[in-house]
């Protein structure tokens, strides 16, 4: 079996972890999840973004860089839940735009990110899962993480916009965008099969199979 490194990208609550888990079971690939629960700053961050934004983002950046470096050294296909690129290009950039990161902190953070990521082998494919704010809100409520319930719709919308812009300009890996508003790959196995068919096509240099909405 060829060795593939696929990163699943997307906004809070879009269904990245679920898709990673289901595809890993379906294909027998190794799933790798993000270290959300391990972040000692996360609850504080949601309570006071000005004070804890830089600390939280630095934690995620360090952990994600460590994880990425380890993954490219492994043998066998891998599915990663959120990439190192999203931490900087989406979440840290959004904090900077909103004034939660100072110019000095942002420049320090982003220069470190650029220097280190240029040394890493990029994924073979990035799967960008898109969803409307209404869909994100519904899925966030369903997974029961108390610290996420206070996230504003405007924050999710800002992240959505940054994700769309990033997916358009990202060139280190091919990007496959999947709209998930009308997909339920938990309840409908055929939706999972459709997503995998698109992934398989892209890995083999094809991109003609459209998802049925």
N, C-alpha and C. Protein backbone atom coordinates (compact mmCIF):
# COMPACT_ATOMS: atom_id res chain seq x y z
N UNK A 1 0.85 -1.20 0.00
CA UNK A 1 0.00 0.00 0.00
C UNK A 1 0.88 1.25 0.00
N UNK A 2 0.59 2.22 -0.88
CA UNK A 2 1.38 3.46 -0.89
C UNK A 2 1.27 4.18 0.43
N UNK A 3 2.30 4.95 0.77
CA UNK A 3 2.28 5.73 1.99
C UNK A 3 1.71 7.11 1.69
N UNK A 4 0.56 7.41 2.29
CA UNK A 4 -0.08 8.69 2.11
C UNK A 4 -0.17 9.42 3.44
N UNK A 5 -0.02 10.73 3.38
CA UNK A 5 -0.18 11.60 4.54
C UNK A 5 -1.26 12.61 4.17
N UNK A 6 -2.45 12.44 4.76
CA UNK A 6 -3.59 13.30 4.45
C UNK A 6 -3.98 14.08 5.69
N UNK A 7 -4.13 15.40 5.55
CA UNK A 7 -4.57 16.26 6.65
C UNK A 7 -6.01 16.69 6.41
N UNK A 8 -6.83 16.58 7.44
CA UNK A 8 -8.23 17.02 7.38
C UNK A 8 -8.31 18.38 8.04
N UNK A 9 -8.71 19.40 7.28
CA UNK A 9 -8.76 20.78 7.76
C UNK A 9 -10.19 21.28 7.84
N UNK A 10 -10.41 22.30 8.68
CA UNK A 10 -11.75 22.89 8.76
C UNK A 10 -12.02 23.54 10.09
N UNK A 11 -13.09 24.30 10.11
CA UNK A 11 -13.46 25.13 11.25
C UNK A 11 -13.86 24.29 12.48
N UNK A 12 -14.01 24.96 13.60
CA UNK A 12 -14.44 24.33 14.84
C UNK A 12 -15.80 23.67 14.64
N UNK A 13 -15.90 22.38 14.95
CA UNK A 13 -17.17 21.69 14.88
C UNK A 13 -17.58 21.19 13.52
N UNK A 14 -16.72 21.33 12.51
CA UNK A 14 -17.13 20.94 11.16
C UNK A 14 -17.20 19.43 10.98
N UNK A 15 -16.50 18.68 11.82
CA UNK A 15 -16.55 17.22 11.73
C UNK A 15 -15.25 16.57 11.31
N UNK A 16 -14.13 17.24 11.58
CA UNK A 16 -12.82 16.70 11.21
C UNK A 16 -12.51 15.40 11.94
N UNK A 17 -12.63 15.43 13.27
CA UNK A 17 -12.28 14.25 14.07
C UNK A 17 -13.16 13.06 13.70
N UNK A 18 -14.43 13.32 13.47
CA UNK A 18 -15.36 12.26 13.10
C UNK A 18 -14.97 11.64 11.77
N UNK A 19 -14.64 12.49 10.79
CA UNK A 19 -14.25 11.97 9.48
C UNK A 19 -12.95 11.19 9.56
N UNK A 20 -11.99 11.69 10.32
CA UNK A 20 -10.73 10.97 10.51
C UNK A 20 -11.00 9.58 11.09
N UNK A 21 -11.83 9.52 12.12
CA UNK A 21 -12.13 8.26 12.77
C UNK A 21 -12.82 7.28 11.82
N UNK A 22 -13.83 7.76 11.10
CA UNK A 22 -14.58 6.88 10.20
C UNK A 22 -13.74 6.41 9.03
N UNK A 23 -12.98 7.30 8.45
CA UNK A 23 -12.12 6.89 7.33
C UNK A 23 -11.03 5.92 7.79
N UNK A 24 -10.49 6.17 8.99
CA UNK A 24 -9.46 5.27 9.52
C UNK A 24 -10.02 3.86 9.71
N UNK A 25 -11.25 3.77 10.23
CA UNK A 25 -11.89 2.47 10.40
C UNK A 25 -12.18 1.82 9.05
N UNK A 26 -12.64 2.62 8.12
CA UNK A 26 -13.04 2.14 6.80
C UNK A 26 -11.84 1.62 6.00
N UNK A 27 -10.69 2.31 6.14
CA UNK A 27 -9.54 2.02 5.30
C UNK A 27 -8.43 1.24 6.02
N UNK A 28 -8.50 1.22 7.36
CA UNK A 28 -7.42 0.60 8.12
C UNK A 28 -6.20 1.48 8.21
N UNK A 29 -6.39 2.79 8.06
CA UNK A 29 -5.29 3.75 8.15
C UNK A 29 -5.12 4.22 9.59
N UNK A 30 -3.99 4.86 9.87
CA UNK A 30 -3.72 5.35 11.22
C UNK A 30 -4.32 6.74 11.41
N UNK A 31 -5.18 6.93 12.43
CA UNK A 31 -5.70 8.26 12.72
C UNK A 31 -4.81 9.00 13.71
N UNK A 32 -4.65 10.30 13.50
CA UNK A 32 -3.85 11.13 14.41
C UNK A 32 -4.70 12.36 14.75
N UNK A 33 -4.99 12.54 16.04
CA UNK A 33 -5.91 13.59 16.47
C UNK A 33 -5.17 14.78 17.08
N UNK A 34 -5.83 15.94 17.04
CA UNK A 34 -5.22 17.14 17.62
C UNK A 34 -5.28 17.10 19.14
N UNK A 35 -4.36 17.82 19.77
CA UNK A 35 -4.20 17.76 21.22
C UNK A 35 -5.00 18.86 21.91
N UNK A 36 -6.32 18.91 21.65
CA UNK A 36 -7.15 19.96 22.25
C UNK A 36 -7.20 19.83 23.76
N UNK A 37 -7.51 18.63 24.24
CA UNK A 37 -7.68 18.44 25.68
C UNK A 37 -6.39 18.68 26.45
N UNK A 38 -5.24 18.57 25.78
CA UNK A 38 -3.97 18.73 26.47
C UNK A 38 -3.58 20.20 26.64
N UNK A 39 -4.23 21.11 25.93
CA UNK A 39 -3.82 22.52 25.97
C UNK A 39 -4.20 23.12 27.32
N UNK A 40 -3.22 23.46 28.16
CA UNK A 40 -3.52 23.98 29.50
C UNK A 40 -4.04 25.41 29.48
N UNK A 41 -4.03 26.06 28.31
CA UNK A 41 -4.45 27.45 28.22
C UNK A 41 -5.85 27.61 27.62
N UNK A 42 -6.46 26.51 27.15
CA UNK A 42 -7.64 26.65 26.30
C UNK A 42 -8.83 27.26 27.01
N UNK A 43 -9.15 26.79 28.20
CA UNK A 43 -10.29 27.36 28.93
C UNK A 43 -10.03 28.83 29.26
N UNK A 44 -8.83 29.14 29.70
CA UNK A 44 -8.46 30.54 29.96
C UNK A 44 -8.55 31.38 28.70
N UNK A 45 -8.16 30.80 27.58
CA UNK A 45 -8.20 31.52 26.31
C UNK A 45 -9.61 31.96 25.96
N UNK A 46 -10.57 31.05 26.09
CA UNK A 46 -11.95 31.41 25.75
C UNK A 46 -12.53 32.43 26.73
N UNK A 47 -11.99 32.50 27.92
CA UNK A 47 -12.45 33.49 28.89
C UNK A 47 -11.77 34.85 28.72
N UNK A 48 -10.54 34.85 28.20
CA UNK A 48 -9.79 36.10 28.06
C UNK A 48 -8.79 35.95 26.92
N UNK A 49 -9.25 36.24 25.69
CA UNK A 49 -8.42 36.02 24.51
C UNK A 49 -7.23 36.97 24.46
N UNK A 50 -7.40 38.19 24.97
CA UNK A 50 -6.30 39.15 24.94
C UNK A 50 -5.11 38.64 25.75
N UNK A 51 -5.39 38.08 26.90
CA UNK A 51 -4.31 37.66 27.79
C UNK A 51 -3.69 36.33 27.37
N UNK A 52 -4.53 35.39 26.90
CA UNK A 52 -4.06 34.02 26.73
C UNK A 52 -3.94 33.58 25.27
N UNK A 53 -4.26 34.47 24.31
CA UNK A 53 -4.20 34.09 22.91
C UNK A 53 -2.82 33.64 22.45
N UNK A 54 -1.80 34.41 22.78
CA UNK A 54 -0.44 34.07 22.36
C UNK A 54 0.01 32.76 22.99
N UNK A 55 -0.27 32.57 24.26
CA UNK A 55 0.13 31.35 24.97
C UNK A 55 -0.53 30.12 24.34
N UNK A 56 -1.84 30.22 24.09
CA UNK A 56 -2.57 29.09 23.54
C UNK A 56 -2.07 28.74 22.15
N UNK A 57 -1.85 29.76 21.31
CA UNK A 57 -1.39 29.50 19.95
C UNK A 57 0.03 28.93 19.93
N UNK A 58 0.88 29.38 20.82
CA UNK A 58 2.23 28.83 20.88
C UNK A 58 2.20 27.36 21.28
N UNK A 59 1.32 27.01 22.20
CA UNK A 59 1.18 25.60 22.59
C UNK A 59 0.79 24.75 21.39
N UNK A 60 -0.26 25.20 20.68
CA UNK A 60 -0.73 24.44 19.53
C UNK A 60 0.35 24.34 18.45
N UNK A 61 1.07 25.44 18.22
CA UNK A 61 2.11 25.43 17.19
C UNK A 61 3.21 24.43 17.52
N UNK A 62 3.69 24.46 18.74
CA UNK A 62 4.76 23.54 19.15
C UNK A 62 4.30 22.09 19.04
N UNK A 63 3.11 21.79 19.56
CA UNK A 63 2.61 20.42 19.52
C UNK A 63 2.39 19.95 18.08
N UNK A 64 1.82 20.85 17.26
CA UNK A 64 1.53 20.45 15.88
C UNK A 64 2.82 20.26 15.08
N UNK A 65 3.81 21.09 15.31
CA UNK A 65 5.10 20.91 14.63
C UNK A 65 5.75 19.59 15.04
N UNK A 66 5.71 19.28 16.33
CA UNK A 66 6.25 18.01 16.80
C UNK A 66 5.52 16.84 16.14
N UNK A 67 4.20 16.94 16.12
CA UNK A 67 3.39 15.88 15.54
C UNK A 67 3.68 15.70 14.05
N UNK A 68 3.75 16.80 13.32
CA UNK A 68 4.00 16.74 11.89
C UNK A 68 5.35 16.10 11.60
N UNK A 69 6.36 16.51 12.33
CA UNK A 69 7.70 15.96 12.13
C UNK A 69 7.72 14.46 12.35
N UNK A 70 6.99 14.00 13.37
CA UNK A 70 6.93 12.56 13.64
C UNK A 70 6.16 11.81 12.54
N UNK A 71 5.10 12.43 12.03
CA UNK A 71 4.26 11.75 11.05
C UNK A 71 4.98 11.48 9.74
N UNK A 72 5.79 12.44 9.29
CA UNK A 72 6.46 12.26 8.00
C UNK A 72 7.55 11.21 8.07
N UNK A 73 7.89 10.77 9.26
CA UNK A 73 8.91 9.74 9.42
C UNK A 73 8.30 8.34 9.53
N UNK A 74 6.98 8.27 9.62
CA UNK A 74 6.33 6.97 9.77
C UNK A 74 6.12 6.29 8.42
N UNK A 75 5.92 4.98 8.49
CA UNK A 75 5.62 4.18 7.30
C UNK A 75 4.15 3.77 7.38
N UNK A 76 3.42 3.98 6.29
CA UNK A 76 2.02 3.63 6.26
C UNK A 76 1.15 4.86 6.13
N UNK A 77 -0.07 4.71 5.63
CA UNK A 77 -0.97 5.85 5.40
C UNK A 77 -1.49 6.45 6.70
N UNK A 78 -1.60 7.78 6.72
CA UNK A 78 -1.97 8.51 7.93
C UNK A 78 -3.04 9.53 7.62
N UNK A 79 -4.00 9.67 8.52
CA UNK A 79 -5.03 10.71 8.47
C UNK A 79 -4.85 11.62 9.68
N UNK A 80 -4.59 12.90 9.43
CA UNK A 80 -4.33 13.84 10.53
C UNK A 80 -5.52 14.77 10.73
N UNK A 81 -5.93 14.92 11.97
CA UNK A 81 -7.00 15.82 12.36
C UNK A 81 -6.41 17.22 12.61
N UNK A 82 -6.59 18.11 11.64
CA UNK A 82 -6.09 19.50 11.63
C UNK A 82 -4.58 19.56 11.45
N UNK A 83 -4.16 20.49 10.59
CA UNK A 83 -2.76 20.62 10.22
C UNK A 83 -2.09 21.78 10.95
N UNK A 84 -0.78 21.80 10.91
CA UNK A 84 -0.02 22.89 11.53
C UNK A 84 -0.28 24.21 10.81
N UNK A 85 -0.63 24.16 9.54
CA UNK A 85 -0.85 25.38 8.76
C UNK A 85 -2.06 26.16 9.27
N UNK A 86 -3.07 25.45 9.72
CA UNK A 86 -4.29 26.12 10.20
C UNK A 86 -4.06 26.91 11.47
N UNK A 87 -3.20 26.41 12.34
CA UNK A 87 -2.93 27.12 13.59
C UNK A 87 -2.49 28.55 13.31
N UNK A 88 -1.57 28.69 12.35
CA UNK A 88 -1.03 30.02 12.05
C UNK A 88 -1.90 30.80 11.08
N UNK A 89 -2.25 30.16 9.96
CA UNK A 89 -2.93 30.87 8.88
C UNK A 89 -4.37 31.23 9.20
N UNK A 90 -4.99 30.50 10.12
CA UNK A 90 -6.39 30.74 10.44
C UNK A 90 -6.54 31.31 11.85
N UNK A 91 -6.18 30.52 12.86
CA UNK A 91 -6.52 30.89 14.23
C UNK A 91 -5.65 32.02 14.78
N UNK A 92 -4.35 31.91 14.61
CA UNK A 92 -3.49 33.00 15.09
C UNK A 92 -3.72 34.27 14.27
N UNK A 93 -3.88 34.13 12.95
CA UNK A 93 -4.13 35.30 12.11
C UNK A 93 -5.44 35.99 12.50
N UNK A 94 -6.45 35.20 12.82
CA UNK A 94 -7.73 35.79 13.23
C UNK A 94 -7.60 36.54 14.55
N UNK A 95 -6.86 35.98 15.49
CA UNK A 95 -6.63 36.68 16.76
C UNK A 95 -5.91 38.00 16.53
N UNK A 96 -4.98 38.01 15.60
CA UNK A 96 -4.25 39.24 15.26
C UNK A 96 -5.20 40.26 14.63
N UNK A 97 -6.04 39.81 13.70
CA UNK A 97 -7.00 40.72 13.06
C UNK A 97 -7.96 41.33 14.07
N UNK A 98 -8.32 40.54 15.08
CA UNK A 98 -9.28 41.00 16.08
C UNK A 98 -8.62 41.81 17.20
N UNK A 99 -7.31 41.95 17.17
CA UNK A 99 -6.63 42.73 18.18
C UNK A 99 -6.27 41.97 19.44
N UNK A 100 -6.45 40.63 19.41
CA UNK A 100 -6.11 39.83 20.59
C UNK A 100 -4.64 39.47 20.64
N UNK A 101 -3.93 39.60 19.51
CA UNK A 101 -2.48 39.45 19.47
C UNK A 101 -1.88 40.78 19.07
N UNK A 102 -0.87 41.22 19.78
CA UNK A 102 -0.20 42.47 19.42
C UNK A 102 0.62 42.27 18.15
N UNK A 103 0.98 43.36 17.52
CA UNK A 103 1.82 43.29 16.33
C UNK A 103 3.13 42.55 16.63
N UNK A 104 3.72 42.84 17.77
CA UNK A 104 4.98 42.20 18.15
C UNK A 104 4.81 40.69 18.33
N UNK A 105 3.77 40.29 19.06
CA UNK A 105 3.54 38.87 19.27
C UNK A 105 3.23 38.15 17.96
N UNK A 106 2.41 38.77 17.10
CA UNK A 106 2.06 38.17 15.83
C UNK A 106 3.29 37.96 14.95
N UNK A 107 4.13 38.97 14.83
CA UNK A 107 5.31 38.85 13.98
C UNK A 107 6.27 37.78 14.51
N UNK A 108 6.44 37.73 15.82
CA UNK A 108 7.30 36.70 16.42
C UNK A 108 6.76 35.32 16.13
N UNK A 109 5.47 35.14 16.35
CA UNK A 109 4.81 33.86 16.14
C UNK A 109 4.90 33.44 14.68
N UNK A 110 4.54 34.35 13.76
CA UNK A 110 4.44 33.98 12.36
C UNK A 110 5.81 33.70 11.73
N UNK A 111 6.81 34.44 12.15
CA UNK A 111 8.16 34.18 11.64
C UNK A 111 8.66 32.81 12.10
N UNK A 112 8.35 32.43 13.33
CA UNK A 112 8.72 31.11 13.82
C UNK A 112 7.99 30.03 13.01
N UNK A 113 6.71 30.23 12.81
CA UNK A 113 5.90 29.28 12.02
C UNK A 113 6.48 29.10 10.62
N UNK A 114 6.76 30.21 9.92
CA UNK A 114 7.27 30.12 8.55
C UNK A 114 8.63 29.43 8.50
N UNK A 115 9.50 29.76 9.42
CA UNK A 115 10.83 29.16 9.43
C UNK A 115 10.76 27.65 9.61
N UNK A 116 9.95 27.20 10.54
CA UNK A 116 9.91 25.78 10.87
C UNK A 116 9.11 24.97 9.85
N UNK A 117 7.99 25.50 9.36
CA UNK A 117 7.19 24.73 8.41
C UNK A 117 7.90 24.56 7.07
N UNK A 118 8.76 25.48 6.71
CA UNK A 118 9.51 25.34 5.46
C UNK A 118 10.49 24.17 5.51
N UNK A 119 10.75 23.68 6.70
CA UNK A 119 11.66 22.54 6.86
C UNK A 119 10.91 21.20 6.84
N UNK A 120 9.59 21.24 6.80
CA UNK A 120 8.79 20.03 6.90
C UNK A 120 8.27 19.59 5.53
N UNK A 121 8.17 18.29 5.33
CA UNK A 121 7.51 17.75 4.14
C UNK A 121 6.00 17.97 4.30
N UNK A 122 5.34 18.58 3.31
CA UNK A 122 3.90 18.83 3.43
C UNK A 122 3.08 17.57 3.21
N UNK A 123 1.80 17.58 3.60
CA UNK A 123 0.93 16.41 3.34
C UNK A 123 0.77 16.15 1.85
N UNK A 124 0.42 14.93 1.52
CA UNK A 124 0.14 14.59 0.12
C UNK A 124 -1.17 15.20 -0.34
N UNK A 125 -2.07 15.44 0.60
CA UNK A 125 -3.37 16.02 0.27
C UNK A 125 -3.96 16.65 1.51
N UNK A 126 -4.59 17.82 1.35
CA UNK A 126 -5.34 18.47 2.42
C UNK A 126 -6.82 18.43 2.05
N UNK A 127 -7.65 17.89 2.94
CA UNK A 127 -9.09 17.87 2.75
C UNK A 127 -9.69 19.01 3.56
N UNK A 128 -10.26 20.00 2.89
CA UNK A 128 -10.85 21.15 3.56
C UNK A 128 -12.35 20.95 3.67
N UNK A 129 -12.83 20.72 4.89
CA UNK A 129 -14.27 20.56 5.14
C UNK A 129 -14.89 21.93 5.40
N UNK A 130 -15.89 22.29 4.61
CA UNK A 130 -16.58 23.58 4.76
C UNK A 130 -17.97 23.36 5.34
N UNK A 131 -18.46 24.35 6.07
CA UNK A 131 -19.83 24.31 6.59
C UNK A 131 -20.25 25.72 6.95
N UNK A 132 -21.55 25.99 6.87
CA UNK A 132 -22.08 27.29 7.27
C UNK A 132 -22.00 27.43 8.79
N UNK A 133 -22.15 28.67 9.26
CA UNK A 133 -22.12 28.91 10.70
C UNK A 133 -23.26 28.17 11.40
N UNK A 134 -24.43 28.12 10.77
CA UNK A 134 -25.57 27.42 11.36
C UNK A 134 -25.26 25.94 11.57
N UNK A 135 -24.62 25.34 10.57
CA UNK A 135 -24.24 23.93 10.70
C UNK A 135 -23.18 23.74 11.77
N UNK A 136 -22.20 24.62 11.80
CA UNK A 136 -21.15 24.55 12.83
C UNK A 136 -21.76 24.66 14.22
N UNK A 137 -22.68 25.62 14.39
CA UNK A 137 -23.31 25.83 15.70
C UNK A 137 -24.06 24.58 16.14
N UNK A 138 -24.77 23.95 15.23
CA UNK A 138 -25.52 22.74 15.57
C UNK A 138 -24.58 21.60 15.98
N UNK A 139 -23.50 21.45 15.26
CA UNK A 139 -22.57 20.37 15.57
C UNK A 139 -21.79 20.63 16.85
N UNK A 140 -21.44 21.88 17.10
CA UNK A 140 -20.77 22.23 18.35
C UNK A 140 -21.66 21.91 19.55
N UNK A 141 -22.95 22.27 19.44
CA UNK A 141 -23.89 21.99 20.54
C UNK A 141 -24.01 20.49 20.78
N UNK A 142 -23.92 19.71 19.71
CA UNK A 142 -24.10 18.27 19.84
C UNK A 142 -22.94 17.54 20.47
N UNK A 143 -21.75 18.14 20.49
CA UNK A 143 -20.61 17.41 21.04
C UNK A 143 -20.31 17.76 22.50
N UNK A 144 -20.98 18.77 23.05
CA UNK A 144 -21.00 18.96 24.49
C UNK A 144 -19.75 19.45 25.15
N UNK A 145 -18.93 20.23 24.46
CA UNK A 145 -17.77 20.85 25.10
C UNK A 145 -18.20 22.21 25.65
N UNK A 146 -18.30 22.30 26.96
CA UNK A 146 -18.89 23.49 27.59
C UNK A 146 -18.15 24.77 27.21
N UNK A 147 -16.83 24.71 27.11
CA UNK A 147 -16.06 25.92 26.84
C UNK A 147 -16.29 26.45 25.42
N UNK A 148 -16.90 25.63 24.54
CA UNK A 148 -17.15 26.07 23.17
C UNK A 148 -18.51 26.74 23.00
N UNK A 149 -19.40 26.59 23.97
CA UNK A 149 -20.75 27.08 23.81
C UNK A 149 -20.83 28.60 23.76
N UNK A 150 -19.83 29.28 24.30
CA UNK A 150 -19.84 30.73 24.28
C UNK A 150 -19.18 31.34 23.05
N UNK A 151 -18.76 30.51 22.12
CA UNK A 151 -18.12 31.04 20.91
C UNK A 151 -19.15 31.80 20.09
N UNK A 152 -18.84 33.02 19.72
CA UNK A 152 -19.77 33.86 18.98
C UNK A 152 -19.87 33.43 17.52
N UNK A 153 -21.07 33.64 16.93
CA UNK A 153 -21.25 33.34 15.52
C UNK A 153 -20.29 34.16 14.66
N UNK A 154 -20.04 35.40 15.06
CA UNK A 154 -19.13 36.25 14.29
C UNK A 154 -17.71 35.68 14.26
N UNK A 155 -17.30 35.04 15.35
CA UNK A 155 -15.98 34.41 15.42
C UNK A 155 -15.91 33.25 14.43
N UNK A 156 -16.96 32.42 14.40
CA UNK A 156 -16.99 31.30 13.47
C UNK A 156 -17.02 31.79 12.02
N UNK A 157 -17.76 32.87 11.77
CA UNK A 157 -17.83 33.41 10.41
C UNK A 157 -16.47 33.96 9.97
N UNK A 158 -15.78 34.64 10.87
CA UNK A 158 -14.44 35.15 10.55
C UNK A 158 -13.49 34.00 10.21
N UNK A 159 -13.58 32.92 10.98
CA UNK A 159 -12.75 31.75 10.70
C UNK A 159 -13.10 31.14 9.35
N UNK A 160 -14.40 31.06 9.04
CA UNK A 160 -14.82 30.53 7.75
C UNK A 160 -14.20 31.33 6.60
N UNK A 161 -14.23 32.65 6.72
CA UNK A 161 -13.67 33.49 5.66
C UNK A 161 -12.16 33.26 5.51
N UNK A 162 -11.46 33.18 6.63
CA UNK A 162 -10.02 32.93 6.58
C UNK A 162 -9.71 31.56 6.00
N UNK A 163 -10.53 30.56 6.33
CA UNK A 163 -10.35 29.23 5.76
C UNK A 163 -10.51 29.25 4.25
N UNK A 164 -11.55 29.93 3.76
CA UNK A 164 -11.77 30.00 2.32
C UNK A 164 -10.59 30.67 1.62
N UNK A 165 -10.10 31.76 2.20
CA UNK A 165 -8.96 32.47 1.61
C UNK A 165 -7.70 31.62 1.62
N UNK A 166 -7.49 30.92 2.73
CA UNK A 166 -6.30 30.07 2.85
C UNK A 166 -6.35 28.92 1.85
N UNK A 167 -7.52 28.28 1.70
CA UNK A 167 -7.63 27.15 0.78
C UNK A 167 -7.36 27.58 -0.66
N UNK A 168 -7.69 28.83 -0.97
CA UNK A 168 -7.46 29.33 -2.33
C UNK A 168 -5.98 29.56 -2.61
N UNK A 169 -5.23 29.99 -1.61
CA UNK A 169 -3.84 30.38 -1.86
C UNK A 169 -2.82 29.32 -1.42
N UNK A 170 -3.26 28.27 -0.74
CA UNK A 170 -2.32 27.26 -0.24
C UNK A 170 -1.78 26.43 -1.40
N UNK A 171 -0.48 26.35 -1.53
CA UNK A 171 0.14 25.66 -2.66
C UNK A 171 1.11 24.55 -2.27
N UNK A 172 1.35 24.35 -0.99
CA UNK A 172 2.30 23.33 -0.58
C UNK A 172 1.77 21.92 -0.84
N UNK A 173 0.45 21.76 -0.78
CA UNK A 173 -0.20 20.48 -1.04
C UNK A 173 -1.44 20.72 -1.88
N UNK A 174 -1.90 19.70 -2.62
CA UNK A 174 -3.21 19.81 -3.26
C UNK A 174 -4.30 19.95 -2.20
N UNK A 175 -5.34 20.72 -2.49
CA UNK A 175 -6.44 20.93 -1.55
C UNK A 175 -7.75 20.45 -2.19
N UNK A 176 -8.45 19.57 -1.50
CA UNK A 176 -9.76 19.11 -1.92
C UNK A 176 -10.81 19.70 -0.97
N UNK A 177 -11.69 20.54 -1.49
CA UNK A 177 -12.72 21.19 -0.67
C UNK A 177 -14.01 20.39 -0.73
N UNK A 178 -14.58 20.09 0.45
CA UNK A 178 -15.81 19.32 0.55
C UNK A 178 -16.82 20.12 1.37
N UNK A 179 -17.93 20.52 0.75
CA UNK A 179 -19.01 21.19 1.48
C UNK A 179 -19.80 20.14 2.26
N UNK A 180 -19.96 20.37 3.56
CA UNK A 180 -20.55 19.34 4.43
C UNK A 180 -21.93 19.70 4.98
N UNK A 181 -22.50 20.84 4.57
CA UNK A 181 -23.80 21.23 5.10
C UNK A 181 -24.86 20.15 4.88
N UNK A 182 -24.81 19.49 3.74
CA UNK A 182 -25.82 18.48 3.39
C UNK A 182 -25.28 17.07 3.45
N UNK A 183 -24.19 16.89 4.17
CA UNK A 183 -23.60 15.57 4.33
C UNK A 183 -23.68 15.13 5.79
N UNK A 184 -23.97 13.87 6.00
CA UNK A 184 -23.97 13.27 7.34
C UNK A 184 -23.31 11.91 7.23
N UNK A 185 -21.98 11.90 7.33
CA UNK A 185 -21.25 10.65 7.13
C UNK A 185 -21.28 9.76 8.37
N UNK A 186 -21.93 10.22 9.44
CA UNK A 186 -22.14 9.36 10.60
C UNK A 186 -23.37 8.46 10.38
N UNK A 187 -24.45 9.06 9.91
CA UNK A 187 -25.70 8.33 9.71
C UNK A 187 -25.81 7.68 8.34
N UNK A 188 -25.10 8.20 7.36
CA UNK A 188 -25.25 7.71 5.99
C UNK A 188 -23.89 7.25 5.46
N UNK A 189 -23.72 5.95 5.37
CA UNK A 189 -22.44 5.39 4.93
C UNK A 189 -22.12 5.79 3.49
N UNK A 190 -23.18 6.00 2.67
CA UNK A 190 -22.93 6.38 1.29
C UNK A 190 -22.24 7.74 1.19
N UNK A 191 -22.48 8.63 2.18
CA UNK A 191 -21.79 9.93 2.18
C UNK A 191 -20.30 9.74 2.44
N UNK A 192 -19.98 8.82 3.33
CA UNK A 192 -18.57 8.51 3.58
C UNK A 192 -17.93 7.92 2.34
N UNK A 193 -18.64 7.05 1.66
CA UNK A 193 -18.12 6.45 0.43
C UNK A 193 -17.88 7.51 -0.63
N UNK A 194 -18.78 8.49 -0.73
CA UNK A 194 -18.62 9.56 -1.72
C UNK A 194 -17.38 10.39 -1.42
N UNK A 195 -17.18 10.71 -0.14
CA UNK A 195 -16.00 11.49 0.22
C UNK A 195 -14.73 10.71 -0.09
N UNK A 196 -14.71 9.43 0.27
CA UNK A 196 -13.52 8.64 -0.01
C UNK A 196 -13.27 8.53 -1.51
N UNK A 197 -14.32 8.44 -2.32
CA UNK A 197 -14.15 8.36 -3.77
C UNK A 197 -13.47 9.62 -4.29
N UNK A 198 -13.85 10.77 -3.77
CA UNK A 198 -13.22 12.03 -4.19
C UNK A 198 -11.75 12.08 -3.75
N UNK A 199 -11.49 11.63 -2.51
CA UNK A 199 -10.11 11.61 -2.02
C UNK A 199 -9.26 10.69 -2.88
N UNK A 200 -9.77 9.50 -3.17
CA UNK A 200 -9.03 8.53 -3.98
C UNK A 200 -8.75 9.09 -5.37
N UNK A 201 -9.75 9.74 -5.96
CA UNK A 201 -9.54 10.34 -7.28
C UNK A 201 -8.42 11.38 -7.24
N UNK A 202 -8.44 12.23 -6.22
CA UNK A 202 -7.43 13.29 -6.14
C UNK A 202 -6.04 12.70 -5.91
N UNK A 203 -5.95 11.67 -5.08
CA UNK A 203 -4.65 11.04 -4.83
C UNK A 203 -4.07 10.43 -6.10
N UNK A 204 -4.96 10.03 -7.01
CA UNK A 204 -4.51 9.41 -8.25
C UNK A 204 -4.56 10.39 -9.42
N UNK A 205 -4.62 11.70 -9.10
CA UNK A 205 -4.54 12.70 -10.14
C UNK A 205 -5.82 12.95 -10.88
N UNK A 206 -6.95 12.52 -10.30
CA UNK A 206 -8.25 12.75 -10.95
C UNK A 206 -9.09 13.64 -10.04
N UNK A 207 -10.01 14.40 -10.64
CA UNK A 207 -10.88 15.27 -9.84
C UNK A 207 -12.17 15.54 -10.61
N UNK A 208 -12.87 14.47 -10.94
CA UNK A 208 -14.08 14.64 -11.74
C UNK A 208 -15.33 14.12 -11.04
N UNK A 209 -15.20 13.47 -9.91
CA UNK A 209 -16.34 12.90 -9.23
C UNK A 209 -16.94 13.93 -8.28
N UNK A 210 -18.19 14.32 -8.50
CA UNK A 210 -18.85 15.32 -7.64
C UNK A 210 -19.67 14.62 -6.57
N UNK A 211 -19.69 15.21 -5.39
CA UNK A 211 -20.54 14.68 -4.32
C UNK A 211 -22.00 14.97 -4.63
N UNK A 212 -22.85 14.04 -4.33
CA UNK A 212 -24.28 14.27 -4.48
C UNK A 212 -24.79 15.02 -3.26
N UNK A 213 -25.37 16.18 -3.49
CA UNK A 213 -25.85 17.01 -2.40
C UNK A 213 -27.33 16.75 -2.17
